[in-house]
Amino acid sequence: MTIVLVIDLSKSMMESIENVKGAVLRLHADAYRYRDKVRVVAMKGINAVVAQHPITNLRVVANKLLKLHVSRFTPLAAGMLKAIEVLKEEKRRDRSTIPVMVIVTDGNANVPLIKSLQTSEVRTFDPLDAAFFNYEDMAVDDVISVSQVTRKEGIHTVVVNTNQATAEWQYPGVLLTEKIAEITKGSHHEVGGITEREQAVDEIYEAIAQDERLIAHEASSK
């Protein structure tokens, strides 16, 4: 498999990012055993960047996460779109690879795509307004559009929502990640309600590891 971890580095993820790092380290043995390639796409600022090229050593990936900084933005659509680009390129290089997108986020998308998938319009927007969720509707619409592209490209998805949903404004984040999983025919896991760190790491690890093996099994049986 080629696995792209799409990691949300928004400020609301601060309490969860250590758990994500712990789970990534736990996945190290699996990636080494199965020779899976892993890449990290970080949702950073108002866009997304590739933080790590495809490798089998997840310890390098975890160290990359340690060096990335949080922001007030969740460009979820941009992160997913960047992952699609990476996976399509890997598929071109090796047609036998199984493309998997693992999305770890609280789902509180607030940054739309710079270029609309539907109209090709190039947008300009104020980052401060984005931080205060003034473009939330547009950002959510873009996530849905990218989810449809993900499904069309035959990319498998594992969606892990870390949203603690302690405030009313956070609930739409859970609904959005559920929608991503529904559109892409992927799996959805909610781990935000787990307060004990070791248990949270276990839950994130198990959610990703079990789904990856199920995806590999289903692909090999076709």
N, C-alpha and C. Protein backbone atom coordinates (compact mmCIF):
# COMPACT_ATOMS: atom_id res chain seq x y z
N MET A 1 0.83 -1.20 0.00
CA MET A 1 0.00 0.00 0.00
C MET A 1 0.86 1.25 0.00
N THR A 2 0.33 2.30 -0.58
CA THR A 2 0.86 3.64 -0.36
C THR A 2 -0.17 4.38 0.49
N ILE A 3 0.26 4.79 1.66
CA ILE A 3 -0.64 5.41 2.63
C ILE A 3 -0.27 6.88 2.78
N VAL A 4 -1.23 7.76 2.62
CA VAL A 4 -1.01 9.18 2.87
C VAL A 4 -1.78 9.56 4.12
N LEU A 5 -1.04 10.00 5.12
CA LEU A 5 -1.66 10.49 6.36
C LEU A 5 -1.93 11.98 6.19
N VAL A 6 -3.20 12.36 6.20
CA VAL A 6 -3.58 13.76 6.11
C VAL A 6 -3.84 14.25 7.54
N ILE A 7 -2.91 15.05 8.03
CA ILE A 7 -2.93 15.43 9.45
C ILE A 7 -3.39 16.88 9.62
N ASP A 8 -4.38 17.06 10.45
CA ASP A 8 -4.92 18.37 10.80
C ASP A 8 -4.03 18.99 11.88
N LEU A 9 -3.48 20.15 11.59
CA LEU A 9 -2.62 20.84 12.56
C LEU A 9 -3.25 22.13 13.05
N SER A 10 -4.58 22.16 13.10
CA SER A 10 -5.26 23.35 13.60
C SER A 10 -5.13 23.45 15.11
N LYS A 11 -5.34 24.64 15.63
CA LYS A 11 -5.18 24.88 17.07
C LYS A 11 -6.09 23.99 17.90
N SER A 12 -7.28 23.69 17.36
CA SER A 12 -8.23 22.85 18.10
C SER A 12 -7.76 21.40 18.19
N MET A 13 -6.69 21.06 17.47
CA MET A 13 -6.14 19.71 17.52
C MET A 13 -5.01 19.57 18.53
N MET A 14 -4.68 20.64 19.25
CA MET A 14 -3.51 20.64 20.13
C MET A 14 -3.54 19.50 21.14
N GLU A 15 -4.72 19.23 21.70
CA GLU A 15 -4.83 18.18 22.72
C GLU A 15 -4.75 16.79 22.11
N SER A 16 -4.94 16.68 20.80
CA SER A 16 -4.96 15.37 20.13
C SER A 16 -3.67 15.03 19.42
N ILE A 17 -2.85 16.03 19.08
CA ILE A 17 -1.71 15.78 18.21
C ILE A 17 -0.70 14.85 18.85
N GLU A 18 -0.53 14.90 20.16
CA GLU A 18 0.40 13.98 20.83
C GLU A 18 -0.09 12.53 20.69
N ASN A 19 -1.40 12.35 20.77
CA ASN A 19 -1.97 11.01 20.58
C ASN A 19 -1.74 10.52 19.15
N VAL A 20 -1.86 11.43 18.19
CA VAL A 20 -1.63 11.08 16.79
C VAL A 20 -0.18 10.66 16.60
N LYS A 21 0.75 11.40 17.19
CA LYS A 21 2.17 11.05 17.08
C LYS A 21 2.43 9.67 17.68
N GLY A 22 1.81 9.41 18.82
CA GLY A 22 1.98 8.11 19.45
C GLY A 22 1.46 6.98 18.59
N ALA A 23 0.32 7.20 17.95
CA ALA A 23 -0.26 6.18 17.08
C ALA A 23 0.61 5.94 15.84
N VAL A 24 1.19 7.01 15.30
CA VAL A 24 2.06 6.89 14.15
C VAL A 24 3.26 6.01 14.49
N LEU A 25 3.83 6.20 15.67
CA LEU A 25 4.96 5.37 16.08
C LEU A 25 4.54 3.91 16.24
N ARG A 26 3.33 3.69 16.72
CA ARG A 26 2.83 2.32 16.86
C ARG A 26 2.66 1.66 15.49
N LEU A 27 2.35 2.45 14.48
CA LEU A 27 2.16 1.92 13.13
C LEU A 27 3.48 1.58 12.44
N HIS A 28 4.58 1.99 13.06
CA HIS A 28 5.89 1.79 12.46
C HIS A 28 6.16 0.31 12.14
N ALA A 29 5.90 -0.55 13.09
CA ALA A 29 6.18 -1.98 12.90
C ALA A 29 5.35 -2.56 11.75
N ASP A 30 4.09 -2.13 11.65
CA ASP A 30 3.23 -2.63 10.58
C ASP A 30 3.75 -2.20 9.21
N ALA A 31 4.13 -0.94 9.10
CA ALA A 31 4.62 -0.43 7.82
C ALA A 31 5.91 -1.14 7.41
N TYR A 32 6.76 -1.41 8.38
CA TYR A 32 8.02 -2.11 8.09
C TYR A 32 7.75 -3.54 7.66
N ARG A 33 6.83 -4.21 8.36
CA ARG A 33 6.54 -5.61 8.07
C ARG A 33 5.96 -5.78 6.67
N TYR A 34 5.03 -4.93 6.31
CA TYR A 34 4.34 -5.07 5.02
C TYR A 34 4.98 -4.24 3.91
N ARG A 35 6.03 -3.50 4.24
CA ARG A 35 6.72 -2.64 3.27
C ARG A 35 5.78 -1.60 2.64
N ASP A 36 4.85 -1.14 3.45
CA ASP A 36 3.96 -0.08 2.98
C ASP A 36 4.75 1.24 2.88
N LYS A 37 4.42 2.02 1.88
CA LYS A 37 5.00 3.36 1.77
C LYS A 37 4.06 4.34 2.48
N VAL A 38 4.65 5.27 3.20
CA VAL A 38 3.85 6.22 3.97
C VAL A 38 4.30 7.64 3.65
N ARG A 39 3.33 8.49 3.50
CA ARG A 39 3.62 9.89 3.23
C ARG A 39 2.73 10.75 4.13
N VAL A 40 3.21 11.90 4.53
CA VAL A 40 2.43 12.80 5.38
C VAL A 40 2.08 14.07 4.62
N VAL A 41 0.80 14.41 4.63
CA VAL A 41 0.35 15.71 4.14
C VAL A 41 -0.17 16.48 5.34
N ALA A 42 0.41 17.63 5.58
CA ALA A 42 0.02 18.44 6.74
C ALA A 42 -0.86 19.59 6.29
N MET A 43 -2.00 19.76 6.98
CA MET A 43 -2.84 20.93 6.75
C MET A 43 -2.21 22.07 7.55
N LYS A 44 -1.49 22.91 6.84
CA LYS A 44 -0.70 23.95 7.50
C LYS A 44 -1.05 25.30 6.93
N GLY A 45 -1.43 26.23 7.81
CA GLY A 45 -1.85 27.54 7.33
C GLY A 45 -3.13 27.42 6.53
N ILE A 46 -3.23 28.16 5.44
CA ILE A 46 -4.45 28.12 4.62
C ILE A 46 -4.32 27.12 3.47
N ASN A 47 -3.26 26.31 3.49
CA ASN A 47 -3.08 25.35 2.42
C ASN A 47 -2.57 24.03 3.01
N ALA A 48 -2.06 23.16 2.18
CA ALA A 48 -1.54 21.87 2.63
C ALA A 48 -0.18 21.64 2.01
N VAL A 49 0.70 21.00 2.77
CA VAL A 49 2.05 20.73 2.27
C VAL A 49 2.39 19.26 2.46
N VAL A 50 3.22 18.76 1.57
CA VAL A 50 3.72 17.39 1.72
C VAL A 50 4.90 17.45 2.68
N ALA A 51 4.72 16.84 3.86
CA ALA A 51 5.75 16.90 4.89
C ALA A 51 6.74 15.76 4.78
N GLN A 52 6.39 14.71 4.05
CA GLN A 52 7.28 13.55 3.95
C GLN A 52 6.99 12.78 2.68
N HIS A 53 8.03 12.43 1.96
CA HIS A 53 7.90 11.61 0.77
C HIS A 53 7.66 10.15 1.16
N PRO A 54 7.18 9.31 0.23
CA PRO A 54 6.86 7.92 0.57
C PRO A 54 8.08 7.16 1.11
N ILE A 55 7.94 6.63 2.31
CA ILE A 55 8.99 5.83 2.92
C ILE A 55 8.32 4.70 3.70
N THR A 56 9.13 3.79 4.23
CA THR A 56 8.59 2.72 5.06
C THR A 56 8.89 2.95 6.54
N ASN A 57 9.70 3.96 6.85
CA ASN A 57 10.08 4.21 8.24
C ASN A 57 9.20 5.29 8.86
N LEU A 58 8.23 4.87 9.64
CA LEU A 58 7.29 5.83 10.22
C LEU A 58 7.91 6.63 11.36
N ARG A 59 9.06 6.21 11.86
CA ARG A 59 9.73 7.01 12.88
C ARG A 59 10.14 8.36 12.29
N VAL A 60 10.53 8.34 11.03
CA VAL A 60 10.86 9.59 10.35
C VAL A 60 9.62 10.46 10.25
N VAL A 61 8.48 9.83 9.92
CA VAL A 61 7.22 10.56 9.81
C VAL A 61 6.85 11.20 11.15
N ALA A 62 6.97 10.43 12.24
CA ALA A 62 6.64 10.95 13.56
C ALA A 62 7.52 12.13 13.92
N ASN A 63 8.80 12.05 13.58
CA ASN A 63 9.71 13.16 13.86
C ASN A 63 9.33 14.40 13.06
N LYS A 64 8.83 14.19 11.84
CA LYS A 64 8.35 15.32 11.05
C LYS A 64 7.18 16.01 11.75
N LEU A 65 6.27 15.20 12.30
CA LEU A 65 5.12 15.76 12.99
C LEU A 65 5.55 16.61 14.18
N LEU A 66 6.61 16.18 14.86
CA LEU A 66 7.09 16.91 16.03
C LEU A 66 7.54 18.32 15.66
N LYS A 67 7.97 18.51 14.41
CA LYS A 67 8.52 19.79 13.98
C LYS A 67 7.47 20.71 13.36
N LEU A 68 6.28 20.20 13.13
CA LEU A 68 5.23 21.01 12.52
C LEU A 68 4.47 21.78 13.58
N HIS A 69 3.99 22.95 13.24
CA HIS A 69 3.34 23.83 14.21
C HIS A 69 1.85 23.99 13.89
N VAL A 70 1.07 24.21 14.94
CA VAL A 70 -0.37 24.35 14.77
C VAL A 70 -0.72 25.77 14.33
N SER A 71 -1.93 25.91 13.77
CA SER A 71 -2.43 27.21 13.34
C SER A 71 -3.92 27.27 13.63
N ARG A 72 -4.54 28.35 13.24
CA ARG A 72 -5.99 28.51 13.45
C ARG A 72 -6.80 28.02 12.24
N PHE A 73 -6.13 27.38 11.30
CA PHE A 73 -6.79 27.02 10.05
C PHE A 73 -6.90 25.51 9.87
N THR A 74 -8.02 25.09 9.23
CA THR A 74 -8.19 23.69 8.85
C THR A 74 -8.56 23.65 7.36
N PRO A 75 -7.55 23.65 6.49
CA PRO A 75 -7.80 23.56 5.04
C PRO A 75 -8.01 22.09 4.64
N LEU A 76 -9.09 21.50 5.12
CA LEU A 76 -9.32 20.07 4.96
C LEU A 76 -9.41 19.66 3.48
N ALA A 77 -10.12 20.45 2.69
CA ALA A 77 -10.24 20.13 1.26
C ALA A 77 -8.87 20.15 0.59
N ALA A 78 -8.04 21.13 0.93
CA ALA A 78 -6.70 21.23 0.34
C ALA A 78 -5.84 20.04 0.75
N GLY A 79 -5.96 19.61 2.00
CA GLY A 79 -5.20 18.45 2.46
C GLY A 79 -5.58 17.19 1.72
N MET A 80 -6.86 16.98 1.55
CA MET A 80 -7.34 15.80 0.83
C MET A 80 -6.94 15.86 -0.65
N LEU A 81 -7.03 17.04 -1.24
CA LEU A 81 -6.68 17.19 -2.66
C LEU A 81 -5.19 16.92 -2.88
N LYS A 82 -4.36 17.39 -1.96
CA LYS A 82 -2.93 17.13 -2.06
C LYS A 82 -2.65 15.62 -1.93
N ALA A 83 -3.39 14.95 -1.05
CA ALA A 83 -3.22 13.50 -0.90
C ALA A 83 -3.61 12.76 -2.17
N ILE A 84 -4.66 13.22 -2.84
CA ILE A 84 -5.07 12.61 -4.11
C ILE A 84 -3.94 12.73 -5.13
N GLU A 85 -3.32 13.90 -5.22
CA GLU A 85 -2.22 14.11 -6.16
C GLU A 85 -1.07 13.14 -5.88
N VAL A 86 -0.73 13.00 -4.60
CA VAL A 86 0.37 12.12 -4.20
C VAL A 86 0.05 10.67 -4.58
N LEU A 87 -1.17 10.24 -4.26
CA LEU A 87 -1.55 8.85 -4.51
C LEU A 87 -1.67 8.54 -6.00
N LYS A 88 -2.14 9.50 -6.78
CA LYS A 88 -2.22 9.30 -8.23
C LYS A 88 -0.82 9.16 -8.82
N GLU A 89 0.12 9.95 -8.32
CA GLU A 89 1.50 9.87 -8.80
C GLU A 89 2.12 8.52 -8.45
N GLU A 90 1.88 8.03 -7.23
CA GLU A 90 2.40 6.73 -6.83
C GLU A 90 1.77 5.60 -7.66
N LYS A 91 0.50 5.78 -7.98
CA LYS A 91 -0.20 4.78 -8.81
C LYS A 91 0.38 4.75 -10.22
N ARG A 92 0.77 5.89 -10.72
CA ARG A 92 1.40 5.94 -12.04
C ARG A 92 2.75 5.22 -12.02
N ARG A 93 3.47 5.35 -10.92
CA ARG A 93 4.78 4.71 -10.80
C ARG A 93 4.67 3.21 -10.59
N ASP A 94 3.65 2.81 -9.85
CA ASP A 94 3.48 1.38 -9.54
C ASP A 94 2.00 1.06 -9.57
N ARG A 95 1.54 0.47 -10.65
CA ARG A 95 0.11 0.21 -10.83
C ARG A 95 -0.43 -0.81 -9.83
N SER A 96 0.46 -1.56 -9.19
CA SER A 96 0.01 -2.57 -8.24
C SER A 96 -0.23 -2.01 -6.84
N THR A 97 0.19 -0.77 -6.61
CA THR A 97 0.04 -0.21 -5.26
C THR A 97 -1.43 0.01 -4.91
N ILE A 98 -1.75 -0.10 -3.64
CA ILE A 98 -3.10 0.14 -3.14
C ILE A 98 -3.11 1.52 -2.49
N PRO A 99 -3.85 2.48 -3.07
CA PRO A 99 -3.84 3.85 -2.53
C PRO A 99 -4.79 4.01 -1.33
N VAL A 100 -4.26 4.51 -0.24
CA VAL A 100 -5.05 4.68 0.97
C VAL A 100 -4.83 6.08 1.53
N MET A 101 -5.92 6.79 1.80
CA MET A 101 -5.87 8.10 2.44
C MET A 101 -6.39 7.97 3.87
N VAL A 102 -5.54 8.30 4.83
CA VAL A 102 -5.94 8.29 6.24
C VAL A 102 -6.06 9.73 6.70
N ILE A 103 -7.27 10.14 7.07
CA ILE A 103 -7.52 11.53 7.45
C ILE A 103 -7.70 11.60 8.97
N VAL A 104 -6.86 12.39 9.62
CA VAL A 104 -6.95 12.57 11.07
C VAL A 104 -7.25 14.04 11.33
N THR A 105 -8.46 14.33 11.79
CA THR A 105 -8.92 15.72 11.91
C THR A 105 -10.06 15.82 12.91
N ASP A 106 -10.34 17.04 13.35
CA ASP A 106 -11.55 17.25 14.15
C ASP A 106 -12.72 17.67 13.26
N GLY A 107 -12.44 17.82 11.96
CA GLY A 107 -13.51 18.09 11.01
C GLY A 107 -13.98 19.52 10.92
N ASN A 108 -13.35 20.43 11.68
CA ASN A 108 -13.81 21.82 11.70
C ASN A 108 -13.19 22.62 10.55
N ALA A 109 -13.56 22.26 9.33
CA ALA A 109 -13.01 22.91 8.13
C ALA A 109 -13.42 24.38 8.08
N ASN A 110 -12.44 25.24 7.86
CA ASN A 110 -12.77 26.67 7.78
C ASN A 110 -12.06 27.39 6.63
N VAL A 111 -11.30 26.65 5.81
CA VAL A 111 -10.58 27.27 4.70
C VAL A 111 -11.01 26.61 3.39
N PRO A 112 -11.59 27.38 2.47
CA PRO A 112 -11.97 26.82 1.16
C PRO A 112 -10.74 26.64 0.27
N LEU A 113 -10.93 25.94 -0.84
CA LEU A 113 -9.86 25.81 -1.81
C LEU A 113 -9.58 27.15 -2.47
N ILE A 114 -8.33 27.38 -2.80
CA ILE A 114 -7.98 28.61 -3.51
C ILE A 114 -8.60 28.62 -4.90
N LYS A 115 -8.70 27.43 -5.50
CA LYS A 115 -9.34 27.31 -6.81
C LYS A 115 -10.49 26.32 -6.71
N SER A 116 -11.68 26.76 -7.04
CA SER A 116 -12.87 25.93 -6.95
C SER A 116 -12.80 24.75 -7.91
N LEU A 117 -13.12 23.55 -7.43
CA LEU A 117 -13.17 22.38 -8.30
C LEU A 117 -14.36 22.44 -9.25
N GLN A 118 -15.41 23.08 -8.82
CA GLN A 118 -16.65 23.09 -9.60
C GLN A 118 -16.65 24.14 -10.69
N THR A 119 -16.11 25.32 -10.39
CA THR A 119 -16.18 26.44 -11.35
C THR A 119 -14.81 26.87 -11.88
N SER A 120 -13.73 26.33 -11.28
CA SER A 120 -12.35 26.73 -11.62
C SER A 120 -12.07 28.19 -11.25
N GLU A 121 -12.96 28.79 -10.48
CA GLU A 121 -12.76 30.17 -10.02
C GLU A 121 -11.57 30.23 -9.06
N VAL A 122 -10.70 31.21 -9.27
CA VAL A 122 -9.60 31.46 -8.34
C VAL A 122 -10.09 32.45 -7.29
N ARG A 123 -10.06 32.02 -6.05
CA ARG A 123 -10.65 32.82 -4.98
C ARG A 123 -9.60 33.61 -4.21
N THR A 124 -10.02 34.72 -3.69
CA THR A 124 -9.21 35.47 -2.74
C THR A 124 -10.04 35.62 -1.47
N PHE A 125 -9.40 35.41 -0.34
CA PHE A 125 -10.12 35.57 0.92
C PHE A 125 -9.17 36.00 2.02
N ASP A 126 -9.73 36.60 3.02
CA ASP A 126 -8.96 37.13 4.15
C ASP A 126 -8.70 36.00 5.14
N PRO A 127 -7.44 35.67 5.42
CA PRO A 127 -7.14 34.60 6.38
C PRO A 127 -7.76 34.83 7.75
N LEU A 128 -7.86 36.09 8.16
CA LEU A 128 -8.47 36.39 9.47
C LEU A 128 -9.93 35.99 9.47
N ASP A 129 -10.63 36.28 8.38
CA ASP A 129 -12.03 35.88 8.26
C ASP A 129 -12.15 34.36 8.26
N ALA A 130 -11.20 33.69 7.63
CA ALA A 130 -11.21 32.23 7.62
C ALA A 130 -11.04 31.68 9.03
N ALA A 131 -10.16 32.29 9.80
CA ALA A 131 -9.92 31.84 11.18
C ALA A 131 -11.18 31.93 12.02
N PHE A 132 -12.04 32.87 11.69
CA PHE A 132 -13.30 33.04 12.42
C PHE A 132 -14.48 32.36 11.71
N PHE A 133 -14.18 31.41 10.82
CA PHE A 133 -15.16 30.54 10.17
C PHE A 133 -16.16 31.30 9.30
N ASN A 134 -15.74 32.42 8.74
CA ASN A 134 -16.63 33.16 7.85
C ASN A 134 -16.78 32.51 6.48
N TYR A 135 -15.91 31.54 6.17
CA TYR A 135 -16.00 30.83 4.89
C TYR A 135 -16.34 29.35 5.11
N GLU A 136 -16.94 29.05 6.24
CA GLU A 136 -17.18 27.65 6.61
C GLU A 136 -18.03 26.91 5.58
N ASP A 137 -19.11 27.53 5.12
CA ASP A 137 -20.00 26.86 4.16
C ASP A 137 -19.25 26.51 2.89
N MET A 138 -18.45 27.43 2.40
CA MET A 138 -17.67 27.20 1.19
C MET A 138 -16.64 26.10 1.43
N ALA A 139 -16.02 26.11 2.60
CA ALA A 139 -15.01 25.11 2.94
C ALA A 139 -15.62 23.71 3.00
N VAL A 140 -16.80 23.61 3.57
CA VAL A 140 -17.50 22.32 3.68
C VAL A 140 -17.89 21.82 2.28
N ASP A 141 -18.41 22.72 1.44
CA ASP A 141 -18.77 22.33 0.07
C ASP A 141 -17.55 21.79 -0.68
N ASP A 142 -16.40 22.41 -0.46
CA ASP A 142 -15.18 21.96 -1.12
C ASP A 142 -14.76 20.58 -0.63
N VAL A 143 -14.91 20.32 0.66
CA VAL A 143 -14.58 19.00 1.21
C VAL A 143 -15.46 17.93 0.56
N ILE A 144 -16.73 18.23 0.39
CA ILE A 144 -17.64 17.28 -0.25
C ILE A 144 -17.23 17.03 -1.70
N SER A 145 -16.85 18.10 -2.41
CA SER A 145 -16.41 17.95 -3.80
C SER A 145 -15.15 17.10 -3.89
N VAL A 146 -14.20 17.32 -2.99
CA VAL A 146 -12.95 16.54 -3.02
C VAL A 146 -13.23 15.09 -2.62
N SER A 147 -14.18 14.88 -1.73
CA SER A 147 -14.55 13.51 -1.34
C SER A 147 -15.08 12.75 -2.55
N GLN A 148 -15.85 13.42 -3.37
CA GLN A 148 -16.38 12.79 -4.58
C GLN A 148 -15.26 12.43 -5.56
N VAL A 149 -14.25 13.29 -5.65
CA VAL A 149 -13.09 13.00 -6.50
C VAL A 149 -12.32 11.81 -5.94
N THR A 150 -12.19 11.77 -4.62
CA THR A 150 -11.48 10.67 -3.96
C THR A 150 -12.12 9.33 -4.31
N ARG A 151 -13.44 9.28 -4.24
CA ARG A 151 -14.18 8.07 -4.58
C ARG A 151 -13.99 7.71 -6.05
N LYS A 152 -14.07 8.71 -6.91
CA LYS A 152 -13.94 8.50 -8.36
C LYS A 152 -12.57 7.93 -8.70
N GLU A 153 -11.53 8.34 -7.97
CA GLU A 153 -10.17 7.89 -8.22
C GLU A 153 -9.88 6.51 -7.63
N GLY A 154 -10.85 5.93 -6.93
CA GLY A 154 -10.67 4.61 -6.36
C GLY A 154 -9.74 4.57 -5.17
N ILE A 155 -9.67 5.66 -4.44
CA ILE A 155 -8.81 5.75 -3.27
C ILE A 155 -9.56 5.30 -2.03
N HIS A 156 -8.96 4.41 -1.28
CA HIS A 156 -9.55 3.93 -0.03
C HIS A 156 -9.35 4.99 1.06
N THR A 157 -10.32 5.09 1.97
CA THR A 157 -10.20 6.09 3.03
C THR A 157 -10.44 5.51 4.41
N VAL A 158 -9.69 6.05 5.36
CA VAL A 158 -9.90 5.79 6.78
C VAL A 158 -9.99 7.16 7.43
N VAL A 159 -11.11 7.47 8.05
CA VAL A 159 -11.32 8.78 8.64
C VAL A 159 -11.36 8.65 10.16
N VAL A 160 -10.45 9.36 10.82
CA VAL A 160 -10.37 9.33 12.28
C VAL A 160 -10.68 10.73 12.80
N ASN A 161 -11.80 10.86 13.49
CA ASN A 161 -12.20 12.16 14.02
C ASN A 161 -11.80 12.26 15.49
N THR A 162 -11.00 13.28 15.81
CA THR A 162 -10.52 13.48 17.18
C THR A 162 -11.34 14.55 17.91
N ASN A 163 -12.44 14.98 17.31
CA ASN A 163 -13.26 16.07 17.85
C ASN A 163 -13.85 15.71 19.21
N GLN A 164 -13.55 16.52 20.21
CA GLN A 164 -14.08 16.27 21.55
C GLN A 164 -15.52 16.75 21.69
N ALA A 165 -15.96 17.58 20.76
CA ALA A 165 -17.37 18.01 20.68
C ALA A 165 -17.94 18.42 22.03
N THR A 166 -17.20 19.30 22.73
CA THR A 166 -17.69 19.80 24.02
C THR A 166 -18.47 21.10 23.85
N ALA A 167 -18.42 21.68 22.66
CA ALA A 167 -19.16 22.91 22.39
C ALA A 167 -20.03 22.70 21.15
N GLU A 168 -21.13 23.42 21.11
CA GLU A 168 -22.09 23.24 20.02
C GLU A 168 -21.47 23.47 18.65
N TRP A 169 -20.52 24.44 18.57
CA TRP A 169 -19.93 24.76 17.27
C TRP A 169 -19.05 23.63 16.75
N GLN A 170 -18.68 22.69 17.63
CA GLN A 170 -17.80 21.60 17.20
C GLN A 170 -18.57 20.43 16.56
N TYR A 171 -19.86 20.29 16.84
CA TYR A 171 -20.61 19.14 16.34
C TYR A 171 -20.60 19.00 14.82
N PRO A 172 -20.67 20.11 14.06
CA PRO A 172 -20.62 19.94 12.60
C PRO A 172 -19.34 19.25 12.11
N GLY A 173 -18.26 19.34 12.89
CA GLY A 173 -17.03 18.67 12.51
C GLY A 173 -17.18 17.17 12.44
N VAL A 174 -17.94 16.60 13.36
CA VAL A 174 -18.20 15.16 13.36
C VAL A 174 -19.08 14.80 12.17
N LEU A 175 -20.10 15.61 11.92
CA LEU A 175 -21.00 15.35 10.80
C LEU A 175 -20.26 15.39 9.47
N LEU A 176 -19.28 16.31 9.36
CA LEU A 176 -18.54 16.43 8.11
C LEU A 176 -17.67 15.20 7.86
N THR A 177 -16.97 14.72 8.88
CA THR A 177 -16.13 13.54 8.66
C THR A 177 -16.98 12.31 8.39
N GLU A 178 -18.14 12.24 8.99
CA GLU A 178 -19.07 11.15 8.67
C GLU A 178 -19.46 11.22 7.19
N LYS A 179 -19.66 12.44 6.70
CA LYS A 179 -20.03 12.64 5.29
C LYS A 179 -18.89 12.22 4.37
N ILE A 180 -17.65 12.54 4.75
CA ILE A 180 -16.50 12.13 3.95
C ILE A 180 -16.47 10.61 3.81
N ALA A 181 -16.63 9.92 4.94
CA ALA A 181 -16.61 8.45 4.93
C ALA A 181 -17.76 7.89 4.10
N GLU A 182 -18.91 8.53 4.19
CA GLU A 182 -20.08 8.07 3.44
C GLU A 182 -19.84 8.20 1.94
N ILE A 183 -19.35 9.35 1.51
CA ILE A 183 -19.15 9.60 0.08
C ILE A 183 -18.05 8.71 -0.49
N THR A 184 -16.96 8.55 0.27
CA THR A 184 -15.81 7.79 -0.22
C THR A 184 -15.95 6.29 0.03
N LYS A 185 -17.04 5.88 0.69
CA LYS A 185 -17.25 4.48 1.06
C LYS A 185 -16.13 3.98 1.98
N GLY A 186 -15.65 4.88 2.83
CA GLY A 186 -14.58 4.53 3.76
C GLY A 186 -15.10 4.27 5.15
N SER A 187 -14.17 4.11 6.09
CA SER A 187 -14.54 3.87 7.48
C SER A 187 -14.45 5.17 8.28
N HIS A 188 -15.18 5.20 9.38
CA HIS A 188 -15.21 6.41 10.22
C HIS A 188 -15.05 6.00 11.67
N HIS A 189 -14.13 6.69 12.38
CA HIS A 189 -13.87 6.38 13.78
C HIS A 189 -13.87 7.68 14.59
N GLU A 190 -14.56 7.68 15.71
CA GLU A 190 -14.56 8.83 16.61
C GLU A 190 -13.77 8.48 17.86
N VAL A 191 -12.71 9.25 18.12
CA VAL A 191 -11.85 8.98 19.28
C VAL A 191 -11.76 10.19 20.21
N GLY A 192 -12.50 11.23 19.91
CA GLY A 192 -12.40 12.46 20.68
C GLY A 192 -12.90 12.36 22.11
N GLY A 193 -13.77 11.41 22.37
CA GLY A 193 -14.32 11.30 23.72
C GLY A 193 -13.42 10.56 24.69
N ILE A 194 -12.28 10.09 24.22
CA ILE A 194 -11.36 9.34 25.08
C ILE A 194 -10.37 10.32 25.71
N THR A 195 -10.37 10.41 27.02
CA THR A 195 -9.53 11.39 27.70
C THR A 195 -8.19 10.82 28.16
N GLU A 196 -8.11 9.51 28.34
CA GLU A 196 -6.86 8.91 28.80
C GLU A 196 -5.93 8.70 27.61
N ARG A 197 -4.71 9.26 27.70
CA ARG A 197 -3.83 9.32 26.54
C ARG A 197 -3.50 7.95 25.97
N GLU A 198 -3.11 7.00 26.80
CA GLU A 198 -2.70 5.69 26.29
C GLU A 198 -3.85 5.01 25.56
N GLN A 199 -5.06 5.16 26.10
CA GLN A 199 -6.23 4.55 25.44
C GLN A 199 -6.50 5.24 24.10
N ALA A 200 -6.34 6.56 24.08
CA ALA A 200 -6.57 7.31 22.84
C ALA A 200 -5.59 6.88 21.75
N VAL A 201 -4.32 6.71 22.14
CA VAL A 201 -3.30 6.24 21.19
C VAL A 201 -3.67 4.87 20.66
N ASP A 202 -4.10 3.99 21.58
CA ASP A 202 -4.51 2.63 21.18
C ASP A 202 -5.65 2.68 20.19
N GLU A 203 -6.65 3.52 20.46
CA GLU A 203 -7.83 3.58 19.60
C GLU A 203 -7.48 4.09 18.21
N ILE A 204 -6.64 5.13 18.15
CA ILE A 204 -6.24 5.66 16.84
C ILE A 204 -5.45 4.62 16.07
N TYR A 205 -4.50 3.98 16.76
CA TYR A 205 -3.68 2.94 16.12
C TYR A 205 -4.55 1.80 15.60
N GLU A 206 -5.43 1.28 16.45
CA GLU A 206 -6.26 0.13 16.06
C GLU A 206 -7.17 0.48 14.89
N ALA A 207 -7.74 1.69 14.92
CA ALA A 207 -8.64 2.11 13.84
C ALA A 207 -7.92 2.10 12.51
N ILE A 208 -6.72 2.67 12.48
CA ILE A 208 -5.97 2.75 11.22
C ILE A 208 -5.42 1.39 10.80
N ALA A 209 -4.78 0.70 11.75
CA ALA A 209 -4.11 -0.57 11.42
C ALA A 209 -5.10 -1.63 10.94
N GLN A 210 -6.21 -1.78 11.64
CA GLN A 210 -7.18 -2.80 11.25
C GLN A 210 -7.80 -2.49 9.89
N ASP A 211 -8.10 -1.23 9.65
CA ASP A 211 -8.70 -0.87 8.37
C ASP A 211 -7.71 -1.04 7.22
N GLU A 212 -6.45 -0.72 7.46
CA GLU A 212 -5.45 -0.90 6.42
C GLU A 212 -5.33 -2.37 6.02
N ARG A 213 -5.32 -3.24 6.99
CA ARG A 213 -5.20 -4.68 6.69
C ARG A 213 -6.46 -5.20 5.99
N LEU A 214 -7.62 -4.66 6.38
CA LEU A 214 -8.87 -5.07 5.72
C LEU A 214 -8.86 -4.60 4.26
N ILE A 215 -8.39 -3.39 4.03
CA ILE A 215 -8.30 -2.86 2.66
C ILE A 215 -7.36 -3.73 1.83
N ALA A 216 -6.20 -4.09 2.41
CA ALA A 216 -5.23 -4.91 1.69
C ALA A 216 -5.81 -6.28 1.37
N HIS A 217 -6.54 -6.86 2.33
CA HIS A 217 -7.13 -8.17 2.12
C HIS A 217 -8.18 -8.14 1.01
N GLU A 218 -9.02 -7.12 1.03
CA GLU A 218 -10.07 -7.01 0.02
C GLU A 218 -9.46 -6.78 -1.37
N ALA A 219 -8.39 -5.98 -1.42
CA ALA A 219 -7.76 -5.70 -2.71
C ALA A 219 -7.10 -6.95 -3.28
N SER A 220 -6.48 -7.75 -2.40
CA SER A 220 -5.76 -8.94 -2.87
C SER A 220 -6.72 -10.06 -3.29
N SER A 221 -7.96 -10.00 -2.81
CA SER A 221 -8.92 -11.04 -3.13
C SER A 221 -9.71 -10.76 -4.40
N LYS A 222 -9.50 -9.58 -4.98
CA LYS A 222 -10.22 -9.23 -6.22
C LYS A 222 -9.56 -9.88 -7.43
